[in-house]
Amino acid sequence: LALIGPRNAPRLRLFLLALAVIDDIGALTVIGV
């Protein structure tokens, strides 16, 4: 994202980080179950 993403959208990184964090919770739950 730092390489190909828009330069004037700082909230985009926070959105991706939050999304990825929730995504990882779901993935780890799937692994465990």
PDB file of all heavy atoms in Angstrom:
ATOM      1  N   LEU A   1       0.841  -1.198   0.000  1.00  0.00           N
ATOM      2  CA  LEU A   1       0.000   0.000   0.000  1.00  0.00           C
ATOM      3  C   LEU A   1       0.878   1.251   0.000  1.00  0.00           C
ATOM      4  O   LEU A   1       0.567   2.242  -0.669  1.00  0.00           O
ATOM      5  CB  LEU A   1      -0.919  -0.002   1.218  1.00  0.00           C
ATOM      6  CG  LEU A   1      -1.804   1.244   1.370  1.00  0.00           C
ATOM      7  CD1 LEU A   1      -2.791   1.344   0.216  1.00  0.00           C
ATOM      8  CD2 LEU A   1      -2.536   1.233   2.703  1.00  0.00           C
ATOM      9  N   ALA A   2       1.993   1.199   0.748  1.00  0.00           N
ATOM     10  CA  ALA A   2       2.914   2.336   0.782  1.00  0.00           C
ATOM     11  C   ALA A   2       3.529   2.601  -0.590  1.00  0.00           C
ATOM     12  O   ALA A   2       3.874   3.741  -0.916  1.00  0.00           O
ATOM     13  CB  ALA A   2       4.016   2.087   1.811  1.00  0.00           C
ATOM     14  N   LEU A   3       3.639   1.552  -1.420  1.00  0.00           N
ATOM     15  CA  LEU A   3       4.236   1.702  -2.748  1.00  0.00           C
ATOM     16  C   LEU A   3       3.229   2.119  -3.814  1.00  0.00           C
ATOM     17  O   LEU A   3       3.508   2.989  -4.631  1.00  0.00           O
ATOM     18  CB  LEU A   3       4.890   0.374  -3.174  1.00  0.00           C
ATOM     19  CG  LEU A   3       6.221   0.012  -2.536  1.00  0.00           C
ATOM     20  CD1 LEU A   3       6.672  -1.355  -3.028  1.00  0.00           C
ATOM     21  CD2 LEU A   3       7.284   1.063  -2.844  1.00  0.00           C
ATOM     22  N   ILE A   4       2.042   1.505  -3.814  1.00  0.00           N
ATOM     23  CA  ILE A   4       1.104   1.718  -4.925  1.00  0.00           C
ATOM     24  C   ILE A   4      -0.135   2.505  -4.534  1.00  0.00           C
ATOM     25  O   ILE A   4      -0.925   2.872  -5.397  1.00  0.00           O
ATOM     26  CB  ILE A   4       0.666   0.369  -5.540  1.00  0.00           C
ATOM     27  CG1 ILE A   4      -0.154  -0.445  -4.526  1.00  0.00           C
ATOM     28  CG2 ILE A   4       1.864  -0.426  -6.018  1.00  0.00           C
ATOM     29  CD1 ILE A   4      -0.754  -1.718  -5.123  1.00  0.00           C
ATOM     30  N   GLY A   5      -0.317   2.768  -3.232  1.00  0.00           N
ATOM     31  CA  GLY A   5      -1.526   3.449  -2.783  1.00  0.00           C
ATOM     32  C   GLY A   5      -1.464   4.948  -3.008  1.00  0.00           C
ATOM     33  O   GLY A   5      -0.404   5.521  -3.290  1.00  0.00           O
ATOM     34  N   PRO A   6      -2.612   5.635  -2.893  1.00  0.00           N
ATOM     35  CA  PRO A   6      -2.640   7.097  -3.049  1.00  0.00           C
ATOM     36  C   PRO A   6      -1.873   7.781  -1.937  1.00  0.00           C
ATOM     37  O   PRO A   6      -1.850   7.305  -0.797  1.00  0.00           O
ATOM     38  CB  PRO A   6      -4.146   7.429  -2.981  1.00  0.00           C
ATOM     39  CG  PRO A   6      -4.768   6.267  -2.289  1.00  0.00           C
ATOM     40  CD  PRO A   6      -3.937   5.071  -2.615  1.00  0.00           C
ATOM     41  N   ARG A   7      -1.251   8.899  -2.253  1.00  0.00           N
ATOM     42  CA  ARG A   7      -0.407   9.602  -1.294  1.00  0.00           C
ATOM     43  C   ARG A   7      -1.190  10.507  -0.339  1.00  0.00           C
ATOM     44  O   ARG A   7      -0.678  10.926   0.683  1.00  0.00           O
ATOM     45  CB  ARG A   7       0.627  10.458  -2.043  1.00  0.00           C
ATOM     46  CG  ARG A   7       1.638   9.629  -2.814  1.00  0.00           C
ATOM     47  CD  ARG A   7       2.619   8.940  -1.870  1.00  0.00           C
ATOM     48  NE  ARG A   7       3.515   8.058  -2.592  1.00  0.00           N
ATOM     49  CZ  ARG A   7       3.346   6.741  -2.705  1.00  0.00           C
ATOM     50  NH1 ARG A   7       2.301   6.164  -2.151  1.00  0.00           N
ATOM     51  NH2 ARG A   7       4.195   5.996  -3.380  1.00  0.00           N
ATOM     52  N   ASN A   8      -2.416  10.858  -0.691  1.00  0.00           N
ATOM     53  CA  ASN A   8      -3.166  11.822   0.123  1.00  0.00           C
ATOM     54  C   ASN A   8      -4.397  11.191   0.772  1.00  0.00           C
ATOM     55  O   ASN A   8      -5.461  11.798   0.859  1.00  0.00           O
ATOM     56  CB  ASN A   8      -3.585  13.024  -0.721  1.00  0.00           C
ATOM     57  CG  ASN A   8      -4.359  12.606  -1.964  1.00  0.00           C
ATOM     58  OD1 ASN A   8      -4.383  11.437  -2.319  1.00  0.00           O
ATOM     59  ND2 ASN A   8      -4.994  13.563  -2.613  1.00  0.00           N
ATOM     60  N   ALA A   9      -4.246   9.943   1.206  1.00  0.00           N
ATOM     61  CA  ALA A   9      -5.341   9.253   1.899  1.00  0.00           C
ATOM     62  C   ALA A   9      -4.782   8.553   3.141  1.00  0.00           C
ATOM     63  O   ALA A   9      -4.711   7.318   3.195  1.00  0.00           O
ATOM     64  CB  ALA A   9      -6.021   8.247   0.966  1.00  0.00           C
ATOM     65  N   PRO A  10      -4.387   9.323   4.179  1.00  0.00           N
ATOM     66  CA  PRO A  10      -3.738   8.719   5.349  1.00  0.00           C
ATOM     67  C   PRO A  10      -4.631   7.732   6.096  1.00  0.00           C
ATOM     68  O   PRO A  10      -4.131   6.811   6.735  1.00  0.00           O
ATOM     69  CB  PRO A  10      -3.397   9.936   6.227  1.00  0.00           C
ATOM     70  CG  PRO A  10      -4.290  11.031   5.748  1.00  0.00           C
ATOM     71  CD  PRO A  10      -4.493  10.784   4.296  1.00  0.00           C
ATOM     72  N   ARG A  11      -5.959   7.940   6.051  1.00  0.00           N
ATOM     73  CA  ARG A  11      -6.853   7.029   6.772  1.00  0.00           C
ATOM     74  C   ARG A  11      -6.934   5.658   6.102  1.00  0.00           C
ATOM     75  O   ARG A  11      -7.414   4.702   6.693  1.00  0.00           O
ATOM     76  CB  ARG A  11      -8.251   7.629   6.863  1.00  0.00           C
ATOM     77  CG  ARG A  11      -8.385   8.695   7.941  1.00  0.00           C
ATOM     78  CD  ARG A  11      -9.844   9.022   8.191  1.00  0.00           C
ATOM     79  NE  ARG A  11      -9.977   9.913   9.322  1.00  0.00           N
ATOM     80  CZ  ARG A  11      -9.982  11.241   9.222  1.00  0.00           C
ATOM     81  NH1 ARG A  11      -9.824  11.798   8.032  1.00  0.00           N
ATOM     82  NH2 ARG A  11     -10.127  11.992  10.294  1.00  0.00           N
ATOM     83  N   LEU A  12      -6.484   5.560   4.848  1.00  0.00           N
ATOM     84  CA  LEU A  12      -6.549   4.292   4.130  1.00  0.00           C
ATOM     85  C   LEU A  12      -5.687   3.243   4.809  1.00  0.00           C
ATOM     86  O   LEU A  12      -6.061   2.068   4.902  1.00  0.00           O
ATOM     87  CB  LEU A  12      -6.105   4.504   2.675  1.00  0.00           C
ATOM     88  CG  LEU A  12      -6.691   3.552   1.630  1.00  0.00           C
ATOM     89  CD1 LEU A  12      -8.205   3.599   1.645  1.00  0.00           C
ATOM     90  CD2 LEU A  12      -6.167   3.918   0.255  1.00  0.00           C
ATOM     91  N   ARG A  13      -4.526   3.649   5.294  1.00  0.00           N
ATOM     92  CA  ARG A  13      -3.649   2.701   5.987  1.00  0.00           C
ATOM     93  C   ARG A  13      -4.299   2.200   7.280  1.00  0.00           C
ATOM     94  O   ARG A  13      -4.250   1.010   7.590  1.00  0.00           O
ATOM     95  CB  ARG A  13      -2.304   3.361   6.295  1.00  0.00           C
ATOM     96  CG  ARG A  13      -1.340   2.420   6.997  1.00  0.00           C
ATOM     97  CD  ARG A  13      -0.110   3.121   7.522  1.00  0.00           C
ATOM     98  NE  ARG A  13       0.735   2.184   8.247  1.00  0.00           N
ATOM     99  CZ  ARG A  13       0.529   1.825   9.508  1.00  0.00           C
ATOM    100  NH1 ARG A  13      -0.500   2.313  10.192  1.00  0.00           N
ATOM    101  NH2 ARG A  13       1.332   0.947  10.097  1.00  0.00           N
ATOM    102  N   LEU A  14      -4.912   3.118   8.041  1.00  0.00           N
ATOM    103  CA  LEU A  14      -5.584   2.719   9.276  1.00  0.00           C
ATOM    104  C   LEU A  14      -6.746   1.776   8.986  1.00  0.00           C
ATOM    105  O   LEU A  14      -6.993   0.827   9.725  1.00  0.00           O
ATOM    106  CB  LEU A  14      -6.091   3.958  10.020  1.00  0.00           C
ATOM    107  CG  LEU A  14      -5.020   4.871  10.616  1.00  0.00           C
ATOM    108  CD1 LEU A  14      -5.657   6.114  11.212  1.00  0.00           C
ATOM    109  CD2 LEU A  14      -4.208   4.125  11.669  1.00  0.00           C
ATOM    110  N   PHE A  15      -7.460   2.041   7.889  1.00  0.00           N
ATOM    111  CA  PHE A  15      -8.565   1.167   7.494  1.00  0.00           C
ATOM    112  C   PHE A  15      -8.051  -0.233   7.163  1.00  0.00           C
ATOM    113  O   PHE A  15      -8.610  -1.240   7.606  1.00  0.00           O
ATOM    114  CB  PHE A  15      -9.285   1.771   6.288  1.00  0.00           C
ATOM    115  CG  PHE A  15     -10.300   0.861   5.657  1.00  0.00           C
ATOM    116  CD1 PHE A  15     -11.521   0.608   6.281  1.00  0.00           C
ATOM    117  CD2 PHE A  15     -10.046   0.244   4.442  1.00  0.00           C
ATOM    118  CE1 PHE A  15     -12.460  -0.236   5.705  1.00  0.00           C
ATOM    119  CE2 PHE A  15     -10.978  -0.599   3.855  1.00  0.00           C
ATOM    120  CZ  PHE A  15     -12.184  -0.842   4.486  1.00  0.00           C
ATOM    121  N   LEU A  16      -6.967  -0.303   6.384  1.00  0.00           N
ATOM    122  CA  LEU A  16      -6.400  -1.600   6.025  1.00  0.00           C
ATOM    123  C   LEU A  16      -5.887  -2.328   7.257  1.00  0.00           C
ATOM    124  O   LEU A  16      -6.092  -3.541   7.405  1.00  0.00           O
ATOM    125  CB  LEU A  16      -5.267  -1.419   5.011  1.00  0.00           C
ATOM    126  CG  LEU A  16      -4.491  -2.694   4.635  1.00  0.00           C
ATOM    127  CD1 LEU A  16      -5.415  -3.769   4.080  1.00  0.00           C
ATOM    128  CD2 LEU A  16      -3.375  -2.379   3.635  1.00  0.00           C
ATOM    129  N   LEU A  17      -5.229  -1.608   8.166  1.00  0.00           N
ATOM    130  CA  LEU A  17      -4.704  -2.241   9.373  1.00  0.00           C
ATOM    131  C   LEU A  17      -5.841  -2.791  10.227  1.00  0.00           C
ATOM    132  O   LEU A  17      -5.781  -3.941  10.689  1.00  0.00           O
ATOM    133  CB  LEU A  17      -3.886  -1.229  10.179  1.00  0.00           C
ATOM    134  CG  LEU A  17      -3.275  -1.751  11.485  1.00  0.00           C
ATOM    135  CD1 LEU A  17      -2.326  -2.906  11.215  1.00  0.00           C
ATOM    136  CD2 LEU A  17      -2.556  -0.636  12.222  1.00  0.00           C
ATOM    137  N   ALA A  18      -6.898  -1.994  10.431  1.00  0.00           N
ATOM    138  CA  ALA A  18      -8.032  -2.454  11.227  1.00  0.00           C
ATOM    139  C   ALA A  18      -8.713  -3.649  10.559  1.00  0.00           C
ATOM    140  O   ALA A  18      -9.056  -4.639  11.215  1.00  0.00           O
ATOM    141  CB  ALA A  18      -9.029  -1.317  11.422  1.00  0.00           C
ATOM    142  N   LEU A  19      -8.882  -3.566   9.241  1.00  0.00           N
ATOM    143  CA  LEU A  19      -9.497  -4.667   8.497  1.00  0.00           C
ATOM    144  C   LEU A  19      -8.667  -5.941   8.623  1.00  0.00           C
ATOM    145  O   LEU A  19      -9.200  -7.037   8.870  1.00  0.00           O
ATOM    146  CB  LEU A  19      -9.640  -4.256   7.026  1.00  0.00           C
ATOM    147  CG  LEU A  19     -10.293  -5.217   6.037  1.00  0.00           C
ATOM    148  CD1 LEU A  19     -10.913  -4.425   4.890  1.00  0.00           C
ATOM    149  CD2 LEU A  19      -9.305  -6.219   5.450  1.00  0.00           C
ATOM    150  N   ALA A  20      -7.356  -5.807   8.452  1.00  0.00           N
ATOM    151  CA  ALA A  20      -6.467  -6.970   8.511  1.00  0.00           C
ATOM    152  C   ALA A  20      -6.447  -7.591   9.896  1.00  0.00           C
ATOM    153  O   ALA A  20      -6.372  -8.816  10.052  1.00  0.00           O
ATOM    154  CB  ALA A  20      -5.058  -6.570   8.080  1.00  0.00           C
ATOM    155  N   VAL A  21      -6.535  -6.741  10.931  1.00  0.00           N
ATOM    156  CA  VAL A  21      -6.539  -7.231  12.307  1.00  0.00           C
ATOM    157  C   VAL A  21      -7.789  -8.082  12.558  1.00  0.00           C
ATOM    158  O   VAL A  21      -7.725  -9.185  13.100  1.00  0.00           O
ATOM    159  CB  VAL A  21      -6.466  -6.031  13.286  1.00  0.00           C
ATOM    160  CG1 VAL A  21      -6.989  -6.395  14.655  1.00  0.00           C
ATOM    161  CG2 VAL A  21      -5.036  -5.531  13.390  1.00  0.00           C
ATOM    162  N   ILE A  22      -8.960  -7.568  12.144  1.00  0.00           N
ATOM    163  CA  ILE A  22     -10.220  -8.322  12.305  1.00  0.00           C
ATOM    164  C   ILE A  22     -10.183  -9.589  11.455  1.00  0.00           C
ATOM    165  O   ILE A  22     -10.624 -10.662  11.870  1.00  0.00           O
ATOM    166  CB  ILE A  22     -11.409  -7.435  11.917  1.00  0.00           C
ATOM    167  CG1 ILE A  22     -11.450  -6.203  12.819  1.00  0.00           C
ATOM    168  CG2 ILE A  22     -12.728  -8.201  12.022  1.00  0.00           C
ATOM    169  CD1 ILE A  22     -12.276  -5.066  12.271  1.00  0.00           C
ATOM    170  N   ASP A  23      -9.643  -9.439  10.257  1.00  0.00           N
ATOM    171  CA  ASP A  23      -9.486 -10.560   9.339  1.00  0.00           C
ATOM    172  C   ASP A  23      -8.639 -11.670   9.976  1.00  0.00           C
ATOM    173  O   ASP A  23      -8.972 -12.852   9.896  1.00  0.00           O
ATOM    174  CB  ASP A  23      -8.811 -10.021   8.073  1.00  0.00           C
ATOM    175  CG  ASP A  23      -8.697 -11.046   6.964  1.00  0.00           C
ATOM    176  OD1 ASP A  23      -7.796 -11.900   7.041  1.00  0.00           O
ATOM    177  OD2 ASP A  23      -9.480 -10.957   6.029  1.00  0.00           O
ATOM    178  N   ASP A  24      -7.558 -11.281  10.640  1.00  0.00           N
ATOM    179  CA  ASP A  24      -6.683 -12.260  11.293  1.00  0.00           C
ATOM    180  C   ASP A  24      -7.392 -12.962  12.451  1.00  0.00           C
ATOM    181  O   ASP A  24      -7.184 -14.160  12.683  1.00  0.00           O
ATOM    182  CB  ASP A  24      -5.407 -11.574  11.800  1.00  0.00           C
ATOM    183  CG  ASP A  24      -4.440 -11.251  10.671  1.00  0.00           C
ATOM    184  OD1 ASP A  24      -4.532 -11.901   9.621  1.00  0.00           O
ATOM    185  OD2 ASP A  24      -3.610 -10.347  10.841  1.00  0.00           O
ATOM    186  N   ILE A  25      -8.218 -12.210  13.197  1.00  0.00           N
ATOM    187  CA  ILE A  25      -8.984 -12.832  14.274  1.00  0.00           C
ATOM    188  C   ILE A  25      -9.885 -13.930  13.702  1.00  0.00           C
ATOM    189  O   ILE A  25      -9.966 -15.044  14.219  1.00  0.00           O
ATOM    190  CB  ILE A  25      -9.833 -11.787  15.022  1.00  0.00           C
ATOM    191  CG1 ILE A  25      -8.948 -10.808  15.776  1.00  0.00           C
ATOM    192  CG2 ILE A  25     -10.791 -12.466  16.005  1.00  0.00           C
ATOM    193  CD1 ILE A  25      -9.712  -9.668  16.414  1.00  0.00           C
ATOM    194  N   GLY A  26     -10.584 -13.590  12.598  1.00  0.00           N
ATOM    195  CA  GLY A  26     -11.458 -14.574  11.956  1.00  0.00           C
ATOM    196  C   GLY A  26     -10.686 -15.778  11.458  1.00  0.00           C
ATOM    197  O   GLY A  26     -11.115 -16.922  11.646  1.00  0.00           O
ATOM    198  N   ALA A  27      -9.519 -15.537  10.835  1.00  0.00           N
ATOM    199  CA  ALA A  27      -8.722 -16.639  10.299  1.00  0.00           C
ATOM    200  C   ALA A  27      -8.222 -17.560  11.404  1.00  0.00           C
ATOM    201  O   ALA A  27      -8.250 -18.790  11.268  1.00  0.00           O
ATOM    202  CB  ALA A  27      -7.553 -16.082   9.494  1.00  0.00           C
ATOM    203  N   LEU A  28      -7.763 -16.967  12.508  1.00  0.00           N
ATOM    204  CA  LEU A  28      -7.263 -17.785  13.608  1.00  0.00           C
ATOM    205  C   LEU A  28      -8.391 -18.576  14.274  1.00  0.00           C
ATOM    206  O   LEU A  28      -8.187 -19.701  14.727  1.00  0.00           O
ATOM    207  CB  LEU A  28      -6.565 -16.895  14.636  1.00  0.00           C
ATOM    208  CG  LEU A  28      -5.221 -16.329  14.165  1.00  0.00           C
ATOM    209  CD1 LEU A  28      -4.725 -15.268  15.117  1.00  0.00           C
ATOM    210  CD2 LEU A  28      -4.185 -17.431  14.028  1.00  0.00           C
ATOM    211  N   THR A  29      -9.579 -17.982  14.324  1.00  0.00           N
ATOM    212  CA  THR A  29     -10.735 -18.715  14.853  1.00  0.00           C
ATOM    213  C   THR A  29     -11.049 -19.910  13.972  1.00  0.00           C
ATOM    214  O   THR A  29     -11.335 -21.012  14.463  1.00  0.00           O
ATOM    215  CB  THR A  29     -11.956 -17.789  14.943  1.00  0.00           C
ATOM    216  OG1 THR A  29     -11.626 -16.662  15.764  1.00  0.00           O
ATOM    217  CG2 THR A  29     -13.151 -18.506  15.539  1.00  0.00           C
ATOM    218  N   VAL A  30     -10.980 -19.705  12.676  1.00  0.00           N
ATOM    219  CA  VAL A  30     -11.222 -20.803  11.726  1.00  0.00           C
ATOM    220  C   VAL A  30     -10.183 -21.908  11.908  1.00  0.00           C
ATOM    221  O   VAL A  30     -10.521 -23.098  11.916  1.00  0.00           O
ATOM    222  CB  VAL A  30     -11.203 -20.260  10.273  1.00  0.00           C
ATOM    223  CG1 VAL A  30     -11.087 -21.406   9.265  1.00  0.00           C
ATOM    224  CG2 VAL A  30     -12.450 -19.442  10.010  1.00  0.00           C
ATOM    225  N   ILE A  31      -8.923 -21.524  12.069  1.00  0.00           N
ATOM    226  CA  ILE A  31      -7.864 -22.515  12.284  1.00  0.00           C
ATOM    227  C   ILE A  31      -8.157 -23.334  13.535  1.00  0.00           C
ATOM    228  O   ILE A  31      -8.064 -24.566  13.544  1.00  0.00           O
ATOM    229  CB  ILE A  31      -6.489 -21.832  12.388  1.00  0.00           C
ATOM    230  CG1 ILE A  31      -6.058 -21.294  11.014  1.00  0.00           C
ATOM    231  CG2 ILE A  31      -5.435 -22.803  12.914  1.00  0.00           C
ATOM    232  CD1 ILE A  31      -4.792 -20.463  11.059  1.00  0.00           C
ATOM    233  N   GLY A  32      -8.519 -22.630  14.613  1.00  0.00           N
ATOM    234  CA  GLY A  32      -8.763 -23.324  15.881  1.00  0.00           C
ATOM    235  C   GLY A  32      -9.973 -24.237  15.840  1.00  0.00           C
ATOM    236  O   GLY A  32      -9.970 -25.320  16.432  1.00  0.00           O
ATOM    237  N   VAL A  33     -11.029 -23.816  15.131  1.00  0.00           N
ATOM    238  CA  VAL A  33     -12.292 -24.577  15.138  1.00  0.00           C
ATOM    239  C   VAL A  33     -12.329 -25.650  14.057  1.00  0.00           C
ATOM    240  O   VAL A  33     -12.750 -26.786  14.297  1.00  0.00           O
ATOM    241  CB  VAL A  33     -13.491 -23.611  14.971  1.00  0.00           C
ATOM    242  CG1 VAL A  33     -14.793 -24.387  14.817  1.00  0.00           C
ATOM    243  CG2 VAL A  33     -13.566 -22.664  16.150  1.00  0.00           C
TER     244      VAL A  33
END
